[in-house]
PDB file of N, CA and C in Angstrom:
ATOM      1  N   MET A   1      22.440  41.698 101.326  1.00  0.00           N
ATOM      2  CA  MET A   1      22.873  41.798 102.686  1.00  0.00           C
ATOM      3  C   MET A   1      24.369  42.043 102.712  1.00  0.00           C
ATOM      4  N   SER A   2      24.821  42.827 103.620  1.00  0.00           N
ATOM      5  CA  SER A   2      26.248  43.104 103.711  1.00  0.00           C
ATOM      6  C   SER A   2      26.859  42.248 104.809  1.00  0.00           C
ATOM      7  N   ALA A   3      28.191  42.327 104.925  1.00  0.00           N
ATOM      8  CA  ALA A   3      28.890  41.553 105.944  1.00  0.00           C
ATOM      9  C   ALA A   3      28.491  42.021 107.342  1.00  0.00           C
ATOM     10  N   ALA A   4      28.119  43.288 107.491  1.00  0.00           N
ATOM     11  CA  ALA A   4      27.636  43.766 108.784  1.00  0.00           C
ATOM     12  C   ALA A   4      26.249  43.176 109.006  1.00  0.00           C
ATOM     13  N   ARG A   5      26.109  42.422 110.080  1.00  0.00           N
ATOM     14  CA  ARG A   5      24.852  41.719 110.301  1.00  0.00           C
ATOM     15  C   ARG A   5      23.729  42.672 110.660  1.00  0.00           C
ATOM     16  N   GLU A   6      22.574  42.410 110.080  1.00  0.00           N
ATOM     17  CA  GLU A   6      21.371  43.178 110.360  1.00  0.00           C
ATOM     18  C   GLU A   6      20.587  42.498 111.472  1.00  0.00           C
ATOM     19  N   GLU A   7      19.687  43.211 112.069  1.00  0.00           N
ATOM     20  CA  GLU A   7      18.803  42.671 113.107  1.00  0.00           C
ATOM     21  C   GLU A   7      18.052  41.461 112.562  1.00  0.00           C
ATOM     22  N   GLY A   8      18.005  40.380 113.324  1.00  0.00           N
ATOM     23  CA  GLY A   8      17.256  39.196 112.922  1.00  0.00           C
ATOM     24  C   GLY A   8      18.006  38.267 111.989  1.00  0.00           C
ATOM     25  N   THR A   9      19.290  38.489 111.778  1.00  0.00           N
ATOM     26  CA  THR A   9      20.069  37.592 110.927  1.00  0.00           C
ATOM     27  C   THR A   9      20.980  36.728 111.796  1.00  0.00           C
ATOM     28  N   VAL A  10      21.505  35.678 111.186  1.00  0.00           N
ATOM     29  CA  VAL A  10      22.439  34.796 111.881  1.00  0.00           C
ATOM     30  C   VAL A  10      23.784  34.834 111.160  1.00  0.00           C
ATOM     31  N   PRO A  11      24.885  34.641 111.904  1.00  0.00           N
ATOM     32  CA  PRO A  11      26.199  34.650 111.253  1.00  0.00           C
ATOM     33  C   PRO A  11      26.470  33.346 110.509  1.00  0.00           C
ATOM     34  N   LEU A  12      27.129  33.482 109.394  1.00  0.00           N
ATOM     35  CA  LEU A  12      27.544  32.366 108.554  1.00  0.00           C
ATOM     36  C   LEU A  12      28.983  32.662 108.167  1.00  0.00           C
ATOM     37  N   HIS A  13      29.869  31.709 108.269  1.00  0.00           N
ATOM     38  CA  HIS A  13      31.288  31.948 107.988  1.00  0.00           C
ATOM     39  C   HIS A  13      31.681  31.301 106.670  1.00  0.00           C
ATOM     40  N   TRP A  14      32.106  32.117 105.732  1.00  0.00           N
ATOM     41  CA  TRP A  14      32.531  31.654 104.409  1.00  0.00           C
ATOM     42  C   TRP A  14      34.001  31.980 104.237  1.00  0.00           C
ATOM     43  N   GLN A  15      34.847  30.996 104.211  1.00  0.00           N
ATOM     44  CA  GLN A  15      36.281  31.161 104.003  1.00  0.00           C
ATOM     45  C   GLN A  15      36.854  32.248 104.918  1.00  0.00           C
ATOM     46  N   GLY A  16      36.479  32.212 106.165  1.00  0.00           N
ATOM     47  CA  GLY A  16      37.018  33.152 107.138  1.00  0.00           C
ATOM     48  C   GLY A  16      36.279  34.475 107.243  1.00  0.00           C
ATOM     49  N   ARG A  17      35.348  34.749 106.356  1.00  0.00           N
ATOM     50  CA  ARG A  17      34.552  35.990 106.411  1.00  0.00           C
ATOM     51  C   ARG A  17      33.218  35.704 107.071  1.00  0.00           C
ATOM     52  N   GLU A  18      32.769  36.624 107.902  1.00  0.00           N
ATOM     53  CA  GLU A  18      31.433  36.469 108.480  1.00  0.00           C
ATOM     54  C   GLU A  18      30.424  37.121 107.555  1.00  0.00           C
ATOM     55  N   LEU A  19      29.416  36.351 107.196  1.00  0.00           N
ATOM     56  CA  LEU A  19      28.328  36.841 106.352  1.00  0.00           C
ATOM     57  C   LEU A  19      27.040  36.812 107.164  1.00  0.00           C
ATOM     58  N   ALA A  20      26.057  37.555 106.710  1.00  0.00           N
ATOM     59  CA  ALA A  20      24.745  37.558 107.364  1.00  0.00           C
ATOM     60  C   ALA A  20      23.786  36.691 106.558  1.00  0.00           C
ATOM     61  N   ALA A  21      23.003  35.893 107.274  1.00  0.00           N
ATOM     62  CA  ALA A  21      22.004  35.043 106.629  1.00  0.00           C
ATOM     63  C   ALA A  21      20.696  35.154 107.395  1.00  0.00           C
ATOM     64  N   ARG A  22      19.616  34.930 106.684  1.00  0.00           N
ATOM     65  CA  ARG A  22      18.299  34.954 107.334  1.00  0.00           C
ATOM     66  C   ARG A  22      17.963  33.578 107.879  1.00  0.00           C
ATOM     67  N   PRO A  23      17.373  33.482 109.051  1.00  0.00           N
ATOM     68  CA  PRO A  23      16.985  32.174 109.584  1.00  0.00           C
ATOM     69  C   PRO A  23      16.080  31.428 108.600  1.00  0.00           C
ATOM     70  N   GLY A  24      16.362  30.136 108.388  1.00  0.00           N
ATOM     71  CA  GLY A  24      15.575  29.317 107.473  1.00  0.00           C
ATOM     72  C   GLY A  24      16.040  29.368 106.035  1.00  0.00           C
ATOM     73  N   GLN A  25      16.923  30.277 105.716  1.00  0.00           N
ATOM     74  CA  GLN A  25      17.441  30.419 104.360  1.00  0.00           C
ATOM     75  C   GLN A  25      18.415  29.271 104.072  1.00  0.00           C
ATOM     76  N   SER A  26      18.446  28.802 102.835  1.00  0.00           N
ATOM     77  CA  SER A  26      19.413  27.762 102.493  1.00  0.00           C
ATOM     78  C   SER A  26      20.811  28.360 102.444  1.00  0.00           C
ATOM     79  N   VAL A  27      21.805  27.517 102.622  1.00  0.00           N
ATOM     80  CA  VAL A  27      23.193  27.973 102.552  1.00  0.00           C
ATOM     81  C   VAL A  27      23.459  28.589 101.183  1.00  0.00           C
ATOM     82  N   ALA A  28      22.966  27.970 100.115  1.00  0.00           N
ATOM     83  CA  ALA A  28      23.167  28.492  98.759  1.00  0.00           C
ATOM     84  C   ALA A  28      22.563  29.884  98.614  1.00  0.00           C
ATOM     85  N   ALA A  29      21.338  30.070  99.104  1.00  0.00           N
ATOM     86  CA  ALA A  29      20.680  31.380  99.000  1.00  0.00           C
ATOM     87  C   ALA A  29      21.448  32.430  99.796  1.00  0.00           C
ATOM     88  N   ALA A  30      21.944  32.047 100.963  1.00  0.00           N
ATOM     89  CA  ALA A  30      22.709  32.993 101.782  1.00  0.00           C
ATOM     90  C   ALA A  30      24.004  33.394 101.079  1.00  0.00           C
ATOM     91  N   LEU A  31      24.689  32.439 100.471  1.00  0.00           N
ATOM     92  CA  LEU A  31      25.913  32.765  99.744  1.00  0.00           C
ATOM     93  C   LEU A  31      25.608  33.703  98.579  1.00  0.00           C
ATOM     94  N   LEU A  32      24.580  33.385  97.804  1.00  0.00           N
ATOM     95  CA  LEU A  32      24.217  34.245  96.676  1.00  0.00           C
ATOM     96  C   LEU A  32      23.848  35.650  97.138  1.00  0.00           C
ATOM     97  N   GLU A  33      23.073  35.732  98.210  1.00  0.00           N
ATOM     98  CA  GLU A  33      22.647  37.032  98.715  1.00  0.00           C
ATOM     99  C   GLU A  33      23.825  37.885  99.185  1.00  0.00           C
ATOM    100  N   ASN A  34      24.918  37.212  99.559  1.00  0.00           N
ATOM    101  CA  ASN A  34      26.118  37.914 100.002  1.00  0.00           C
ATOM    102  C   ASN A  34      27.149  38.078  98.883  1.00  0.00           C
ATOM    103  N   GLY A  35      26.742  37.815  97.648  1.00  0.00           N
ATOM    104  CA  GLY A  35      27.611  38.067  96.502  1.00  0.00           C
ATOM    105  C   GLY A  35      28.548  36.938  96.129  1.00  0.00           C
ATOM    106  N   VAL A  36      28.431  35.783  96.762  1.00  0.00           N
ATOM    107  CA  VAL A  36      29.279  34.635  96.426  1.00  0.00           C
ATOM    108  C   VAL A  36      28.562  33.853  95.326  1.00  0.00           C
ATOM    109  N   ARG A  37      29.141  33.834  94.128  1.00  0.00           N
ATOM    110  CA  ARG A  37      28.476  33.225  92.973  1.00  0.00           C
ATOM    111  C   ARG A  37      28.962  31.810  92.662  1.00  0.00           C
ATOM    112  N   SER A  38      30.178  31.477  93.049  1.00  0.00           N
ATOM    113  CA  SER A  38      30.674  30.111  92.828  1.00  0.00           C
ATOM    114  C   SER A  38      31.422  29.669  94.073  1.00  0.00           C
ATOM    115  N   TRP A  39      31.283  28.377  94.382  1.00  0.00           N
ATOM    116  CA  TRP A  39      31.929  27.885  95.604  1.00  0.00           C
ATOM    117  C   TRP A  39      32.560  26.522  95.443  1.00  0.00           C
ATOM    118  N   ARG A  40      32.751  26.072  94.244  1.00  0.00           N
ATOM    119  CA  ARG A  40      33.535  24.868  93.980  1.00  0.00           C
ATOM    120  C   ARG A  40      34.021  24.924  92.547  1.00  0.00           C
ATOM    121  N   ARG A  41      34.885  23.988  92.186  1.00  0.00           N
ATOM    122  CA  ARG A  41      35.400  23.896  90.821  1.00  0.00           C
ATOM    123  C   ARG A  41      35.174  22.483  90.298  1.00  0.00           C
ATOM    124  N   THR A  42      35.032  22.381  88.978  1.00  0.00           N
ATOM    125  CA  THR A  42      34.818  21.070  88.372  1.00  0.00           C
ATOM    126  C   THR A  42      36.085  20.236  88.460  1.00  0.00           C
ATOM    127  N   ARG A  43      35.901  18.921  88.390  1.00  0.00           N
ATOM    128  CA  ARG A  43      37.046  18.010  88.466  1.00  0.00           C
ATOM    129  C   ARG A  43      37.962  18.172  87.268  1.00  0.00           C
ATOM    130  N   ARG A  44      37.366  18.308  86.118  1.00  0.00           N
ATOM    131  CA  ARG A  44      38.161  18.479  84.897  1.00  0.00           C
ATOM    132  C   ARG A  44      38.018  19.912  84.433  1.00  0.00           C
ATOM    133  N   GLY A  45      39.109  20.568  84.282  1.00  0.00           N
ATOM    134  CA  GLY A  45      39.099  21.932  83.776  1.00  0.00           C
ATOM    135  C   GLY A  45      39.026  22.997  84.852  1.00  0.00           C
ATOM    136  N   GLY A  46      38.640  22.634  86.065  1.00  0.00           N
ATOM    137  CA  GLY A  46      38.604  23.596  87.161  1.00  0.00           C
ATOM    138  C   GLY A  46      37.646  24.751  86.950  1.00  0.00           C
ATOM    139  N   ARG A  47      36.549  24.513  86.238  1.00  0.00           N
ATOM    140  CA  ARG A  47      35.596  25.589  85.977  1.00  0.00           C
ATOM    141  C   ARG A  47      34.758  25.870  87.231  1.00  0.00           C
ATOM    142  N   PRO A  48      34.448  27.146  87.497  1.00  0.00           N
ATOM    143  CA  PRO A  48      33.690  27.494  88.702  1.00  0.00           C
ATOM    144  C   PRO A  48      32.242  27.018  88.633  1.00  0.00           C
ATOM    145  N   ARG A  49      31.724  26.596  89.782  1.00  0.00           N
ATOM    146  CA  ARG A  49      30.335  26.157  89.903  1.00  0.00           C
ATOM    147  C   ARG A  49      29.727  26.730  91.169  1.00  0.00           C
ATOM    148  N   GLY A  50      28.428  26.924  91.123  1.00  0.00           N
ATOM    149  CA  GLY A  50      27.676  27.417  92.269  1.00  0.00           C
ATOM    150  C   GLY A  50      26.284  26.836  92.203  1.00  0.00           C
ATOM    151  N   LEU A  51      25.286  27.664  92.376  1.00  0.00           N
ATOM    152  CA  LEU A  51      23.907  27.197  92.331  1.00  0.00           C
ATOM    153  C   LEU A  51      23.478  26.998  90.882  1.00  0.00           C
ATOM    154  N   PHE A  52      22.900  25.832  90.584  1.00  0.00           N
ATOM    155  CA  PHE A  52      22.401  25.571  89.240  1.00  0.00           C
ATOM    156  C   PHE A  52      20.900  25.328  89.279  1.00  0.00           C
ATOM    157  N   CYS A  53      20.473  24.222  89.871  1.00  0.00           N
ATOM    158  CA  CYS A  53      19.039  23.899  89.853  1.00  0.00           C
ATOM    159  C   CYS A  53      18.311  24.467  91.067  1.00  0.00           C
ATOM    160  N   GLY A  54      18.966  24.507  92.204  1.00  0.00           N
ATOM    161  CA  GLY A  54      18.368  25.055  93.411  1.00  0.00           C
ATOM    162  C   GLY A  54      17.350  24.148  94.095  1.00  0.00           C
ATOM    163  N   ILE A  55      17.201  22.901  93.619  1.00  0.00           N
ATOM    164  CA  ILE A  55      16.209  21.998  94.218  1.00  0.00           C
ATOM    165  C   ILE A  55      16.806  20.648  94.607  1.00  0.00           C
ATOM    166  N   GLY A  56      18.112  20.531  94.575  1.00  0.00           N
ATOM    167  CA  GLY A  56      18.753  19.289  94.994  1.00  0.00           C
ATOM    168  C   GLY A  56      18.844  18.208  93.946  1.00  0.00           C
ATOM    169  N   ALA A  57      18.513  18.518  92.704  1.00  0.00           N
ATOM    170  CA  ALA A  57      18.557  17.506  91.652  1.00  0.00           C
ATOM    171  C   ALA A  57      19.959  17.332  91.067  1.00  0.00           C
ATOM    172  N   CYS A  58      20.803  18.344  91.171  1.00  0.00           N
ATOM    173  CA  CYS A  58      22.158  18.255  90.637  1.00  0.00           C
ATOM    174  C   CYS A  58      23.152  18.343  91.799  1.00  0.00           C
ATOM    175  N   TYR A  59      24.411  18.367  91.480  1.00  0.00           N
ATOM    176  CA  TYR A  59      25.437  18.441  92.517  1.00  0.00           C
ATOM    177  C   TYR A  59      26.393  19.610  92.280  1.00  0.00           C
ATOM    178  N   ASP A  60      25.933  20.639  91.604  1.00  0.00           N
ATOM    179  CA  ASP A  60      26.797  21.784  91.337  1.00  0.00           C
ATOM    180  C   ASP A  60      27.079  22.620  92.577  1.00  0.00           C
ATOM    181  N   CYS A  61      26.237  22.559  93.581  1.00  0.00           N
ATOM    182  CA  CYS A  61      26.371  23.456  94.735  1.00  0.00           C
ATOM    183  C   CYS A  61      27.038  22.817  95.947  1.00  0.00           C
ATOM    184  N   LEU A  62      27.894  21.819  95.731  1.00  0.00           N
ATOM    185  CA  LEU A  62      28.521  21.129  96.858  1.00  0.00           C
ATOM    186  C   LEU A  62      29.406  22.054  97.685  1.00  0.00           C
ATOM    187  N   VAL A  63      29.253  21.965  99.003  1.00  0.00           N
ATOM    188  CA  VAL A  63      30.082  22.690  99.971  1.00  0.00           C
ATOM    189  C   VAL A  63      30.388  21.749 101.129  1.00  0.00           C
ATOM    190  N   ARG A  64      31.350  22.137 101.930  1.00  0.00           N
ATOM    191  CA  ARG A  64      31.649  21.420 103.177  1.00  0.00           C
ATOM    192  C   ARG A  64      31.171  22.292 104.327  1.00  0.00           C
ATOM    193  N   LEU A  65      30.415  21.692 105.241  1.00  0.00           N
ATOM    194  CA  LEU A  65      29.884  22.427 106.386  1.00  0.00           C
ATOM    195  C   LEU A  65      30.570  21.965 107.661  1.00  0.00           C
ATOM    196  N   ASP A  66      31.147  22.906 108.380  1.00  0.00           N
ATOM    197  CA  ASP A  66      31.840  22.609 109.640  1.00  0.00           C
ATOM    198  C   ASP A  66      32.850  21.477 109.492  1.00  0.00           C
ATOM    199  N   GLY A  67      33.542  21.432 108.358  1.00  0.00           N
ATOM    200  CA  GLY A  67      34.583  20.441 108.129  1.00  0.00           C
ATOM    201  C   GLY A  67      34.088  19.052 107.792  1.00  0.00           C
ATOM    202  N   GLY A  68      32.790  18.879 107.606  1.00  0.00           N
ATOM    203  CA  GLY A  68      32.220  17.571 107.304  1.00  0.00           C
ATOM    204  C   GLY A  68      32.295  17.229 105.834  1.00  0.00           C
ATOM    205  N   PRO A  69      31.597  16.171 105.428  1.00  0.00           N
ATOM    206  CA  PRO A  69      31.587  15.773 104.021  1.00  0.00           C
ATOM    207  C   PRO A  69      30.811  16.782 103.166  1.00  0.00           C
ATOM    208  N   GLU A  70      30.989  16.688 101.873  1.00  0.00           N
ATOM    209  CA  GLU A  70      30.299  17.604 100.968  1.00  0.00           C
ATOM    210  C   GLU A  70      28.797  17.359 100.984  1.00  0.00           C
ATOM    211  N   VAL A  71      28.058  18.459 100.966  1.00  0.00           N
ATOM    212  CA  VAL A  71      26.595  18.415 100.904  1.00  0.00           C
ATOM    213  C   VAL A  71      26.131  19.436  99.878  1.00  0.00           C
ATOM    214  N   ARG A  72      24.889  19.305  99.437  1.00  0.00           N
ATOM    215  CA  ARG A  72      24.322  20.265  98.496  1.00  0.00           C
ATOM    216  C   ARG A  72      23.839  21.492  99.273  1.00  0.00           C
ATOM    217  N   ALA A  73      24.409  22.643  98.971  1.00  0.00           N
ATOM    218  CA  ALA A  73      24.119  23.882  99.694  1.00  0.00           C
ATOM    219  C   ALA A  73      22.672  24.325  99.537  1.00  0.00           C
ATOM    220  N   CYS A  74      22.012  23.911  98.477  1.00  0.00           N
ATOM    221  CA  CYS A  74      20.626  24.336  98.258  1.00  0.00           C
ATOM    222  C   CYS A  74      19.644  23.610  99.169  1.00  0.00           C
ATOM    223  N   LEU A  75      20.074  22.512  99.790  1.00  0.00           N
ATOM    224  CA  LEU A  75      19.171  21.712 100.617  1.00  0.00           C
ATOM    225  C   LEU A  75      19.341  21.942 102.117  1.00  0.00           C
ATOM    226  N   VAL A  76      20.411  22.614 102.521  1.00  0.00           N
ATOM    227  CA  VAL A  76      20.721  22.743 103.940  1.00  0.00           C
ATOM    228  C   VAL A  76      20.396  24.151 104.430  1.00  0.00           C
ATOM    229  N   PRO A  77      19.561  24.268 105.467  1.00  0.00           N
ATOM    230  CA  PRO A  77      19.291  25.605 106.017  1.00  0.00           C
ATOM    231  C   PRO A  77      20.476  26.086 106.853  1.00  0.00           C
ATOM    232  N   VAL A  78      20.672  27.391 106.878  1.00  0.00           N
ATOM    233  CA  VAL A  78      21.757  27.956 107.691  1.00  0.00           C
ATOM    234  C   VAL A  78      21.460  27.738 109.170  1.00  0.00           C
ATOM    235  N   SER A  79      22.515  27.689 109.929  1.00  0.00           N
ATOM    236  CA  SER A  79      22.396  27.651 111.385  1.00  0.00           C
ATOM    237  C   SER A  79      23.440  28.622 111.923  1.00  0.00           C
ATOM    238  N   PRO A  80      23.189  29.234 113.073  1.00  0.00           N
ATOM    239  CA  PRO A  80      24.111  30.249 113.587  1.00  0.00           C
ATOM    240  C   PRO A  80      25.543  29.723 113.718  1.00  0.00           C
ATOM    241  N   GLY A  81      26.486  30.482 113.167  1.00  0.00           N
ATOM    242  CA  GLY A  81      27.900  30.143 113.267  1.00  0.00           C
ATOM    243  C   GLY A  81      28.388  29.064 112.336  1.00  0.00           C
ATOM    244  N   LEU A  82      27.556  28.626 111.408  1.00  0.00           N
ATOM    245  CA  LEU A  82      27.923  27.567 110.474  1.00  0.00           C
ATOM    246  C   LEU A  82      29.155  27.979 109.680  1.00  0.00           C
ATOM    247  N   ARG A  83      30.153  27.081 109.586  1.00  0.00           N
ATOM    248  CA  ARG A  83      31.356  27.340 108.796  1.00  0.00           C
ATOM    249  C   ARG A  83      31.201  26.635 107.453  1.00  0.00           C
ATOM    250  N   VAL A  84      31.254  27.398 106.375  1.00  0.00           N
ATOM    251  CA  VAL A  84      31.057  26.880 105.025  1.00  0.00           C
ATOM    252  C   VAL A  84      32.360  27.019 104.254  1.00  0.00           C
ATOM    253  N   ASP A  85      32.815  25.913 103.677  1.00  0.00           N
ATOM    254  CA  ASP A  85      34.027  25.914 102.861  1.00  0.00           C
ATOM    255  C   ASP A  85      33.699  25.384 101.483  1.00  0.00           C
ATOM    256  N   PRO A  86      34.514  25.750 100.482  1.00  0.00           N
ATOM    257  CA  PRO A  86      34.252  25.277  99.118  1.00  0.00           C
ATOM    258  C   PRO A  86      34.248  23.761  99.042  1.00  0.00           C
ATOM    259  N   GLY A  87      33.410  23.242  98.166  1.00  0.00           N
ATOM    260  CA  GLY A  87      33.411  21.815  97.893  1.00  0.00           C
ATOM    261  C   GLY A  87      34.199  21.553  96.637  1.00  0.00           C
ATOM    262  N   GLY A  88      34.242  20.312  96.241  1.00  0.00           N
ATOM    263  CA  GLY A  88      34.889  19.966  94.982  1.00  0.00           C
ATOM    264  C   GLY A  88      36.390  20.061  94.991  1.00  0.00           C
ATOM    265  N   ALA A  89      37.005  19.937  96.155  1.00  0.00           N
ATOM    266  CA  ALA A  89      38.465  19.959  96.223  1.00  0.00           C
ATOM    267  C   ALA A  89      38.967  18.593  95.773  1.00  0.00           C
ATOM    268  N   VAL A  90      38.893  18.379  94.476  1.00  0.00           N
ATOM    269  CA  VAL A  90      39.222  17.088  93.889  1.00  0.00           C
ATOM    270  C   VAL A  90      40.348  17.297  92.896  1.00  0.00           C
ATOM    271  N   PRO A  91      41.308  16.390  92.836  1.00  0.00           N
ATOM    272  CA  PRO A  91      42.380  16.554  91.848  1.00  0.00           C
ATOM    273  C   PRO A  91      41.825  16.612  90.436  1.00  0.00           C
ATOM    274  N   GLU A  92      42.502  17.360  89.576  1.00  0.00           N
ATOM    275  CA  GLU A  92      42.018  17.505  88.207  1.00  0.00           C
ATOM    276  C   GLU A  92      42.063  16.172  87.464  1.00  0.00           C
ATOM    277  N   HIS A  93      43.046  15.344  87.792  1.00  0.00           N
ATOM    278  CA  HIS A  93      43.172  14.046  87.125  1.00  0.00           C
ATOM    279  C   HIS A  93      42.661  12.961  88.057  1.00  0.00           C
ATOM    280  N   ASP A  94      42.188  11.891  87.452  1.00  0.00           N
ATOM    281  CA  ASP A  94      41.715  10.744  88.210  1.00  0.00           C
ATOM    282  C   ASP A  94      42.879  10.160  89.013  1.00  0.00           C
ATOM    283  N   PRO A  95      42.762  10.044  90.355  1.00  0.00           N
ATOM    284  CA  PRO A  95      43.865   9.505  91.134  1.00  0.00           C
ATOM    285  C   PRO A  95      44.224   8.081  90.732  1.00  0.00           C
ATOM    286  N   CYS A  96      43.299   7.356  90.142  1.00  0.00           N
ATOM    287  CA  CYS A  96      43.594   5.997  89.699  1.00  0.00           C
ATOM    288  C   CYS A  96      44.600   5.987  88.551  1.00  0.00           C
ATOM    289  N   GLU A  97      44.690   7.091  87.798  1.00  0.00           N
ATOM    290  CA  GLU A  97      45.653   7.147  86.702  1.00  0.00           C
ATOM    291  C   GLU A  97      47.075   7.124  87.245  1.00  0.00           C
ATOM    292  N   GLN A  98      47.279   7.685  88.435  1.00  0.00           N
ATOM    293  CA  GLN A  98      48.612   7.729  89.017  1.00  0.00           C
ATOM    294  C   GLN A  98      48.879   6.530  89.925  1.00  0.00           C
ATOM    295  N   ASP A  99      47.863   5.848  90.403  1.00  0.00           N
ATOM    296  CA  ASP A  99      48.022   4.715  91.304  1.00  0.00           C
ATOM    297  C   ASP A  99      47.190   3.549  90.787  1.00  0.00           C
ATOM    298  N   PRO A 100      47.777   2.696  89.967  1.00  0.00           N
ATOM    299  CA  PRO A 100      47.002   1.606  89.366  1.00  0.00           C
ATOM    300  C   PRO A 100      46.426   0.635  90.391  1.00  0.00           C
ATOM    301  N   THR A 101      46.939   0.613  91.608  1.00  0.00           N
ATOM    302  CA  THR A 101      46.406  -0.299  92.621  1.00  0.00           C
ATOM    303  C   THR A 101      45.007   0.109  93.054  1.00  0.00           C
ATOM    304  N   ARG A 102      44.597   1.330  92.757  1.00  0.00           N
ATOM    305  CA  ARG A 102      43.268   1.796  93.142  1.00  0.00           C
ATOM    306  C   ARG A 102      42.199   1.387  92.146  1.00  0.00           C
ATOM    307  N   ARG A 103      42.603   0.842  91.015  1.00  0.00           N
ATOM    308  CA  ARG A 103      41.629   0.411  90.014  1.00  0.00           C
ATOM    309  C   ARG A 103      40.979  -0.900  90.464  1.00  0.00           C
ATOM    310  N   PRO A 104      39.710  -1.099  90.108  1.00  0.00           N
ATOM    311  CA  PRO A 104      39.083  -2.386  90.429  1.00  0.00           C
ATOM    312  C   PRO A 104      39.771  -3.498  89.650  1.00  0.00           C
ATOM    313  N   PRO A 105      39.782  -4.710  90.186  1.00  0.00           N
ATOM    314  CA  PRO A 105      40.446  -5.812  89.481  1.00  0.00           C
ATOM    315  C   PRO A 105      39.772  -6.084  88.145  1.00  0.00           C
ATOM    316  N   GLU A 106      40.590  -6.513  87.193  1.00  0.00           N
ATOM    317  CA  GLU A 106      40.059  -6.861  85.867  1.00  0.00           C
ATOM    318  C   GLU A 106      39.178  -8.103  86.010  1.00  0.00           C
ATOM    319  N   ARG A 107      38.101  -8.121  85.295  1.00  0.00           N
ATOM    320  CA  ARG A 107      37.243  -9.306  85.305  1.00  0.00           C
ATOM    321  C   ARG A 107      37.553 -10.152  84.088  1.00  0.00           C
ATOM    322  N   ASP A 108      37.551 -11.446  84.297  1.00  0.00           N
ATOM    323  CA  ASP A 108      37.799 -12.344  83.176  1.00  0.00           C
ATOM    324  C   ASP A 108      36.625 -12.274  82.215  1.00  0.00           C
ATOM    325  N   ALA A 109      36.954 -12.325  80.954  1.00  0.00           N
ATOM    326  CA  ALA A 109      35.897 -12.334  79.944  1.00  0.00           C
ATOM    327  C   ALA A 109      35.109 -13.629  80.060  1.00  0.00           C
ATOM    328  N   VAL A 110      33.843 -13.546  79.831  1.00  0.00           N
ATOM    329  CA  VAL A 110      32.996 -14.735  79.880  1.00  0.00           C
ATOM    330  C   VAL A 110      33.348 -15.616  78.692  1.00  0.00           C
ATOM    331  N   GLN A 111      33.614 -16.878  78.972  1.00  0.00           N
ATOM    332  CA  GLN A 111      33.944 -17.831  77.913  1.00  0.00           C
ATOM    333  C   GLN A 111      32.680 -18.588  77.534  1.00  0.00           C
ATOM    334  N   HIS A 112      32.225 -18.385  76.324  1.00  0.00           N
ATOM    335  CA  HIS A 112      31.040 -19.092  75.832  1.00  0.00           C
ATOM    336  C   HIS A 112      31.467 -20.435  75.261  1.00  0.00           C
ATOM    337  N   PRO A 113      30.677 -21.460  75.495  1.00  0.00           N
ATOM    338  CA  PRO A 113      31.052 -22.785  74.953  1.00  0.00           C
ATOM    339  C   PRO A 113      31.073 -22.765  73.426  1.00  0.00           C
ATOM    340  N   THR A 114      31.971 -23.500  72.910  1.00  0.00           N
ATOM    341  CA  THR A 114      32.058 -23.643  71.452  1.00  0.00           C
ATOM    342  C   THR A 114      31.623 -25.044  71.063  1.00  0.00           C
ATOM    343  N   GLU A 115      31.569 -25.336  69.778  1.00  0.00           N
ATOM    344  CA  GLU A 115      31.194 -26.665  69.304  1.00  0.00           C
ATOM    345  C   GLU A 115      32.224 -27.704  69.759  1.00  0.00           C
ATOM    346  N   GLU A 116      33.488 -27.296  69.874  1.00  0.00           N
ATOM    347  CA  GLU A 116      34.530 -28.214  70.290  1.00  0.00           C
ATOM    348  C   GLU A 116      34.330 -28.664  71.747  1.00  0.00           C
ATOM    349  N   ASP A 117      33.719 -27.794  72.571  1.00  0.00           N
ATOM    350  CA  ASP A 117      33.505 -28.118  73.964  1.00  0.00           C
ATOM    351  C   ASP A 117      32.362 -29.115  74.149  1.00  0.00           C
ATOM    352  N   ALA A 118      31.496 -29.268  73.138  1.00  0.00           N
ATOM    353  CA  ALA A 118      30.311 -30.128  73.274  1.00  0.00           C
ATOM    354  C   ALA A 118      30.609 -31.578  73.112  1.00  0.00           C
TER     355      ALA A 118
END
């Protein structure tokens, strides 16, 4: 499908471009059909990701819909005018490495009784 919408298609907006999608088609299928092969990057290494399993078992196809939280593109059907943005906008490094206050508190080691305690 090309960016020019065909009869019976619905508009889908990907990063400011209007794409054509078929009613009932998943967001992932619509992106693939319009030539978009990857729509997020991995946390480490920034490698491109797109559709992997296509059945909702993995999280490679995460996107943001209409500015909301990330969802799996393979599970969500298109709706007219849906705005789709890349998912996985996550810093390459763990934010806890730069802000130690975000780490969970250390737990005390379990002290097992010894013979001296008896």
